[in-house]
Amino acid sequence: MAVKITHLTNGQQVRFANADGARRYAEIMGGGVDKWRFTVVSGHERPELSGQVVNVPVWRMTSR
């Protein structure tokens, strides 16, 4: 069962293949499950794309 979580303050949405992964993300990365709304979604639902560009820093994991 796929799960989508939505942050209650900023509206960020993250989709997961199962509820365990969503709960773990909310607890560790998202500040706690009480800050997220959990929604069960169908496997065929397509996520909405906002068109916003998000820059994600990438760190090199090997030394030269």
PDB file of N, CA and C in Angstrom:
ATOM      1  N   MET A   1       0.834  -1.165   0.000  1.00  0.00           N
ATOM      2  CA  MET A   1       0.000   0.000   0.000  1.00  0.00           C
ATOM      3  C   MET A   1       0.888   1.241   0.000  1.00  0.00           C
ATOM      4  N   ALA A   2       0.751   2.078  -1.003  1.00  0.00           N
ATOM      5  CA  ALA A   2       1.541   3.302  -1.110  1.00  0.00           C
ATOM      6  C   ALA A   2       0.980   4.355  -0.161  1.00  0.00           C
ATOM      7  N   VAL A   3       1.881   5.170   0.393  1.00  0.00           N
ATOM      8  CA  VAL A   3       1.503   6.204   1.355  1.00  0.00           C
ATOM      9  C   VAL A   3       2.153   7.518   0.946  1.00  0.00           C
ATOM     10  N   LYS A   4       1.372   8.583   1.032  1.00  0.00           N
ATOM     11  CA  LYS A   4       1.891   9.926   0.790  1.00  0.00           C
ATOM     12  C   LYS A   4       1.808  10.673   2.114  1.00  0.00           C
ATOM     13  N   ILE A   5       2.896  11.346   2.494  1.00  0.00           N
ATOM     14  CA  ILE A   5       2.862  12.166   3.691  1.00  0.00           C
ATOM     15  C   ILE A   5       3.001  13.622   3.281  1.00  0.00           C
ATOM     16  N   THR A   6       2.261  14.479   3.973  1.00  0.00           N
ATOM     17  CA  THR A   6       2.267  15.913   3.690  1.00  0.00           C
ATOM     18  C   THR A   6       2.619  16.647   4.969  1.00  0.00           C
ATOM     19  N   HIS A   7       3.622  17.515   4.897  1.00  0.00           N
ATOM     20  CA  HIS A   7       4.033  18.285   6.070  1.00  0.00           C
ATOM     21  C   HIS A   7       2.952  19.313   6.383  1.00  0.00           C
ATOM     22  N   LEU A   8       2.574  19.397   7.638  1.00  0.00           N
ATOM     23  CA  LEU A   8       1.472  20.267   8.033  1.00  0.00           C
ATOM     24  C   LEU A   8       1.811  21.748   7.950  1.00  0.00           C
ATOM     25  N   THR A   9       3.081  22.116   8.034  1.00  0.00           N
ATOM     26  CA  THR A   9       3.468  23.524   8.016  1.00  0.00           C
ATOM     27  C   THR A   9       3.774  24.037   6.617  1.00  0.00           C
ATOM     28  N   ASN A  10       4.630  23.303   5.870  1.00  0.00           N
ATOM     29  CA  ASN A  10       5.088  23.835   4.584  1.00  0.00           C
ATOM     30  C   ASN A  10       4.485  23.141   3.365  1.00  0.00           C
ATOM     31  N   GLY A  11       3.668  22.105   3.560  1.00  0.00           N
ATOM     32  CA  GLY A  11       2.998  21.454   2.443  1.00  0.00           C
ATOM     33  C   GLY A  11       3.850  20.488   1.640  1.00  0.00           C
ATOM     34  N   GLN A  12       5.093  20.243   2.077  1.00  0.00           N
ATOM     35  CA  GLN A  12       5.959  19.302   1.362  1.00  0.00           C
ATOM     36  C   GLN A  12       5.296  17.930   1.320  1.00  0.00           C
ATOM     37  N   GLN A  13       5.324  17.286   0.151  1.00  0.00           N
ATOM     38  CA  GLN A  13       4.750  15.959  -0.003  1.00  0.00           C
ATOM     39  C   GLN A  13       5.831  14.969  -0.391  1.00  0.00           C
ATOM     40  N   VAL A  14       5.793  13.796   0.246  1.00  0.00           N
ATOM     41  CA  VAL A  14       6.740  12.733  -0.059  1.00  0.00           C
ATOM     42  C   VAL A  14       5.944  11.443  -0.159  1.00  0.00           C
ATOM     43  N   ARG A  15       6.213  10.660  -1.191  1.00  0.00           N
ATOM     44  CA  ARG A  15       5.485   9.414  -1.422  1.00  0.00           C
ATOM     45  C   ARG A  15       6.384   8.225  -1.113  1.00  0.00           C
ATOM     46  N   PHE A  16       5.808   7.194  -0.511  1.00  0.00           N
ATOM     47  CA  PHE A  16       6.536   5.992  -0.122  1.00  0.00           C
ATOM     48  C   PHE A  16       5.768   4.754  -0.574  1.00  0.00           C
ATOM     49  N   ALA A  17       6.495   3.669  -0.768  1.00  0.00           N
ATOM     50  CA  ALA A  17       5.881   2.413  -1.183  1.00  0.00           C
ATOM     51  C   ALA A  17       5.070   1.779  -0.064  1.00  0.00           C
ATOM     52  N   ASN A  18       5.426   2.088   1.189  1.00  0.00           N
ATOM     53  CA  ASN A  18       4.680   1.495   2.310  1.00  0.00           C
ATOM     54  C   ASN A  18       4.673   2.446   3.499  1.00  0.00           C
ATOM     55  N   ALA A  19       3.807   2.140   4.455  1.00  0.00           N
ATOM     56  CA  ALA A  19       3.630   3.006   5.624  1.00  0.00           C
ATOM     57  C   ALA A  19       4.847   2.997   6.540  1.00  0.00           C
ATOM     58  N   ASP A  20       5.556   1.871   6.602  1.00  0.00           N
ATOM     59  CA  ASP A  20       6.739   1.800   7.461  1.00  0.00           C
ATOM     60  C   ASP A  20       7.819   2.786   7.021  1.00  0.00           C
ATOM     61  N   GLY A  21       8.059   2.860   5.726  1.00  0.00           N
ATOM     62  CA  GLY A  21       9.043   3.800   5.205  1.00  0.00           C
ATOM     63  C   GLY A  21       8.626   5.241   5.448  1.00  0.00           C
ATOM     64  N   ALA A  22       7.337   5.531   5.275  1.00  0.00           N
ATOM     65  CA  ALA A  22       6.838   6.886   5.505  1.00  0.00           C
ATOM     66  C   ALA A  22       6.977   7.273   6.975  1.00  0.00           C
ATOM     67  N   ARG A  23       6.642   6.365   7.864  1.00  0.00           N
ATOM     68  CA  ARG A  23       6.731   6.640   9.299  1.00  0.00           C
ATOM     69  C   ARG A  23       8.179   6.858   9.719  1.00  0.00           C
ATOM     70  N   ARG A  24       9.067   6.030   9.190  1.00  0.00           N
ATOM     71  CA  ARG A  24      10.487   6.163   9.539  1.00  0.00           C
ATOM     72  C   ARG A  24      11.048   7.504   9.048  1.00  0.00           C
ATOM     73  N   TYR A  25      10.709   7.891   7.826  1.00  0.00           N
ATOM     74  CA  TYR A  25      11.158   9.178   7.297  1.00  0.00           C
ATOM     75  C   TYR A  25      10.651  10.322   8.176  1.00  0.00           C
ATOM     76  N   ALA A  26       9.364  10.280   8.518  1.00  0.00           N
ATOM     77  CA  ALA A  26       8.786  11.349   9.327  1.00  0.00           C
ATOM     78  C   ALA A  26       9.448  11.449  10.691  1.00  0.00           C
ATOM     79  N   GLU A  27       9.779  10.308  11.288  1.00  0.00           N
ATOM     80  CA  GLU A  27      10.408  10.311  12.604  1.00  0.00           C
ATOM     81  C   GLU A  27      11.841  10.819  12.559  1.00  0.00           C
ATOM     82  N   ILE A  28      12.614  10.350  11.577  1.00  0.00           N
ATOM     83  CA  ILE A  28      14.045  10.656  11.546  1.00  0.00           C
ATOM     84  C   ILE A  28      14.344  11.970  10.834  1.00  0.00           C
ATOM     85  N   MET A  29      13.799  12.153   9.652  1.00  0.00           N
ATOM     86  CA  MET A  29      14.143  13.315   8.832  1.00  0.00           C
ATOM     87  C   MET A  29      13.153  14.465   8.963  1.00  0.00           C
ATOM     88  N   GLY A  30      11.917  14.156   9.317  1.00  0.00           N
ATOM     89  CA  GLY A  30      10.864  15.164   9.262  1.00  0.00           C
ATOM     90  C   GLY A  30      10.441  15.771  10.576  1.00  0.00           C
ATOM     91  N   GLY A  31      11.139  15.488  11.661  1.00  0.00           N
ATOM     92  CA  GLY A  31      10.832  16.130  12.925  1.00  0.00           C
ATOM     93  C   GLY A  31       9.750  15.470  13.752  1.00  0.00           C
ATOM     94  N   GLY A  32       9.281  14.298  13.349  1.00  0.00           N
ATOM     95  CA  GLY A  32       8.274  13.573  14.123  1.00  0.00           C
ATOM     96  C   GLY A  32       6.985  13.365  13.342  1.00  0.00           C
ATOM     97  N   VAL A  33       6.316  12.270  13.627  1.00  0.00           N
ATOM     98  CA  VAL A  33       5.108  11.924  12.880  1.00  0.00           C
ATOM     99  C   VAL A  33       3.961  12.896  13.137  1.00  0.00           C
ATOM    100  N   ASP A  34       3.999  13.613  14.260  1.00  0.00           N
ATOM    101  CA  ASP A  34       2.929  14.553  14.573  1.00  0.00           C
ATOM    102  C   ASP A  34       2.937  15.785  13.663  1.00  0.00           C
ATOM    103  N   LYS A  35       3.997  15.964  12.885  1.00  0.00           N
ATOM    104  CA  LYS A  35       4.094  17.104  11.979  1.00  0.00           C
ATOM    105  C   LYS A  35       3.682  16.755  10.542  1.00  0.00           C
ATOM    106  N   TRP A  36       3.192  15.519  10.321  1.00  0.00           N
ATOM    107  CA  TRP A  36       2.858  15.048   8.979  1.00  0.00           C
ATOM    108  C   TRP A  36       1.442  14.487   8.938  1.00  0.00           C
ATOM    109  N   ARG A  37       0.785  14.630   7.781  1.00  0.00           N
ATOM    110  CA  ARG A  37      -0.505  13.985   7.530  1.00  0.00           C
ATOM    111  C   ARG A  37      -0.246  12.791   6.606  1.00  0.00           C
ATOM    112  N   PHE A  38      -0.707  11.623   6.989  1.00  0.00           N
ATOM    113  CA  PHE A  38      -0.497  10.393   6.230  1.00  0.00           C
ATOM    114  C   PHE A  38      -1.746  10.086   5.420  1.00  0.00           C
ATOM    115  N   THR A  39      -1.546   9.778   4.125  1.00  0.00           N
ATOM    116  CA  THR A  39      -2.648   9.470   3.234  1.00  0.00           C
ATOM    117  C   THR A  39      -2.312   8.219   2.431  1.00  0.00           C
ATOM    118  N   VAL A  40      -3.221   7.241   2.418  1.00  0.00           N
ATOM    119  CA  VAL A  40      -3.037   6.051   1.596  1.00  0.00           C
ATOM    120  C   VAL A  40      -3.427   6.409   0.167  1.00  0.00           C
ATOM    121  N   VAL A  41      -2.564   6.090  -0.796  1.00  0.00           N
ATOM    122  CA  VAL A  41      -2.828   6.413  -2.203  1.00  0.00           C
ATOM    123  C   VAL A  41      -2.824   5.132  -3.027  1.00  0.00           C
ATOM    124  N   SER A  42      -3.507   5.182  -4.149  1.00  0.00           N
ATOM    125  CA  SER A  42      -3.514   4.024  -5.040  1.00  0.00           C
ATOM    126  C   SER A  42      -2.168   3.912  -5.738  1.00  0.00           C
ATOM    127  N   GLY A  43      -1.830   2.726  -6.169  1.00  0.00           N
ATOM    128  CA  GLY A  43      -0.565   2.510  -6.854  1.00  0.00           C
ATOM    129  C   GLY A  43      -0.512   3.161  -8.220  1.00  0.00           C
ATOM    130  N   HIS A  44      -1.673   3.574  -8.747  1.00  0.00           N
ATOM    131  CA  HIS A  44      -1.729   4.142 -10.100  1.00  0.00           C
ATOM    132  C   HIS A  44      -1.767   5.665 -10.105  1.00  0.00           C
ATOM    133  N   GLU A  45      -1.850   6.271  -8.929  1.00  0.00           N
ATOM    134  CA  GLU A  45      -1.906   7.724  -8.858  1.00  0.00           C
ATOM    135  C   GLU A  45      -0.554   8.322  -9.222  1.00  0.00           C
ATOM    136  N   ARG A  46      -0.554   9.297 -10.100  1.00  0.00           N
ATOM    137  CA  ARG A  46       0.674   9.963 -10.512  1.00  0.00           C
ATOM    138  C   ARG A  46       0.900  11.178  -9.622  1.00  0.00           C
ATOM    139  N   PRO A  47       2.125  11.393  -9.136  1.00  0.00           N
ATOM    140  CA  PRO A  47       2.387  12.577  -8.315  1.00  0.00           C
ATOM    141  C   PRO A  47       2.298  13.852  -9.148  1.00  0.00           C
ATOM    142  N   GLU A  48       1.803  14.915  -8.519  1.00  0.00           N
ATOM    143  CA  GLU A  48       1.739  16.206  -9.203  1.00  0.00           C
ATOM    144  C   GLU A  48       3.119  16.837  -9.197  1.00  0.00           C
ATOM    145  N   LEU A  49       3.547  17.332 -10.347  1.00  0.00           N
ATOM    146  CA  LEU A  49       4.844  17.988 -10.450  1.00  0.00           C
ATOM    147  C   LEU A  49       4.629  19.490 -10.392  1.00  0.00           C
ATOM    148  N   SER A  50       5.359  20.134  -9.507  1.00  0.00           N
ATOM    149  CA  SER A  50       5.174  21.572  -9.314  1.00  0.00           C
ATOM    150  C   SER A  50       5.927  22.403 -10.347  1.00  0.00           C
ATOM    151  N   GLY A  51       6.938  21.816 -10.961  1.00  0.00           N
ATOM    152  CA  GLY A  51       7.743  22.567 -11.903  1.00  0.00           C
ATOM    153  C   GLY A  51       8.841  23.373 -11.234  1.00  0.00           C
ATOM    154  N   GLN A  52       8.919  23.316  -9.916  1.00  0.00           N
ATOM    155  CA  GLN A  52       9.955  24.041  -9.197  1.00  0.00           C
ATOM    156  C   GLN A  52      11.265  23.281  -9.270  1.00  0.00           C
ATOM    157  N   VAL A  53      12.355  24.027  -9.375  1.00  0.00           N
ATOM    158  CA  VAL A  53      13.686  23.437  -9.396  1.00  0.00           C
ATOM    159  C   VAL A  53      14.209  23.387  -7.972  1.00  0.00           C
ATOM    160  N   VAL A  54      14.696  22.232  -7.576  1.00  0.00           N
ATOM    161  CA  VAL A  54      15.260  22.071  -6.240  1.00  0.00           C
ATOM    162  C   VAL A  54      16.717  21.685  -6.401  1.00  0.00           C
ATOM    163  N   ASN A  55      17.603  22.490  -5.835  1.00  0.00           N
ATOM    164  CA  ASN A  55      19.030  22.189  -5.878  1.00  0.00           C
ATOM    165  C   ASN A  55      19.396  21.349  -4.669  1.00  0.00           C
ATOM    166  N   VAL A  56      19.965  20.192  -4.911  1.00  0.00           N
ATOM    167  CA  VAL A  56      20.355  19.282  -3.847  1.00  0.00           C
ATOM    168  C   VAL A  56      21.872  19.165  -3.860  1.00  0.00           C
ATOM    169  N   PRO A  57      22.513  19.498  -2.742  1.00  0.00           N
ATOM    170  CA  PRO A  57      23.975  19.386  -2.721  1.00  0.00           C
ATOM    171  C   PRO A  57      24.417  17.925  -2.778  1.00  0.00           C
ATOM    172  N   VAL A  58      25.501  17.689  -3.481  1.00  0.00           N
ATOM    173  CA  VAL A  58      26.044  16.337  -3.601  1.00  0.00           C
ATOM    174  C   VAL A  58      27.475  16.370  -3.091  1.00  0.00           C
ATOM    175  N   TRP A  59      27.759  15.514  -2.134  1.00  0.00           N
ATOM    176  CA  TRP A  59      29.095  15.447  -1.577  1.00  0.00           C
ATOM    177  C   TRP A  59      29.829  14.244  -2.149  1.00  0.00           C
ATOM    178  N   ARG A  60      31.077  14.443  -2.450  1.00  0.00           N
ATOM    179  CA  ARG A  60      31.894  13.367  -2.978  1.00  0.00           C
ATOM    180  C   ARG A  60      32.256  12.425  -1.831  1.00  0.00           C
ATOM    181  N   MET A  61      31.993  11.132  -2.005  1.00  0.00           N
ATOM    182  CA  MET A  61      32.170  10.172  -0.918  1.00  0.00           C
ATOM    183  C   MET A  61      33.545   9.476  -0.959  1.00  0.00           C
ATOM    184  N   THR A  62      34.309   9.681  -2.005  1.00  0.00           N
ATOM    185  CA  THR A  62      35.618   9.046  -2.092  1.00  0.00           C
ATOM    186  C   THR A  62      36.696  10.116  -2.039  1.00  0.00           C
ATOM    187  N   SER A  63      37.818   9.757  -1.498  1.00  0.00           N
ATOM    188  CA  SER A  63      38.934  10.705  -1.449  1.00  0.00           C
ATOM    189  C   SER A  63      39.777  10.561  -2.711  1.00  0.00           C
ATOM    190  N   ARG A  64      40.478  11.602  -3.043  1.00  0.00           N
ATOM    191  CA  ARG A  64      41.308  11.569  -4.256  1.00  0.00           C
ATOM    192  C   ARG A  64      42.718  11.214  -3.931  1.00  0.00           C
TER     193      ARG A  64
END
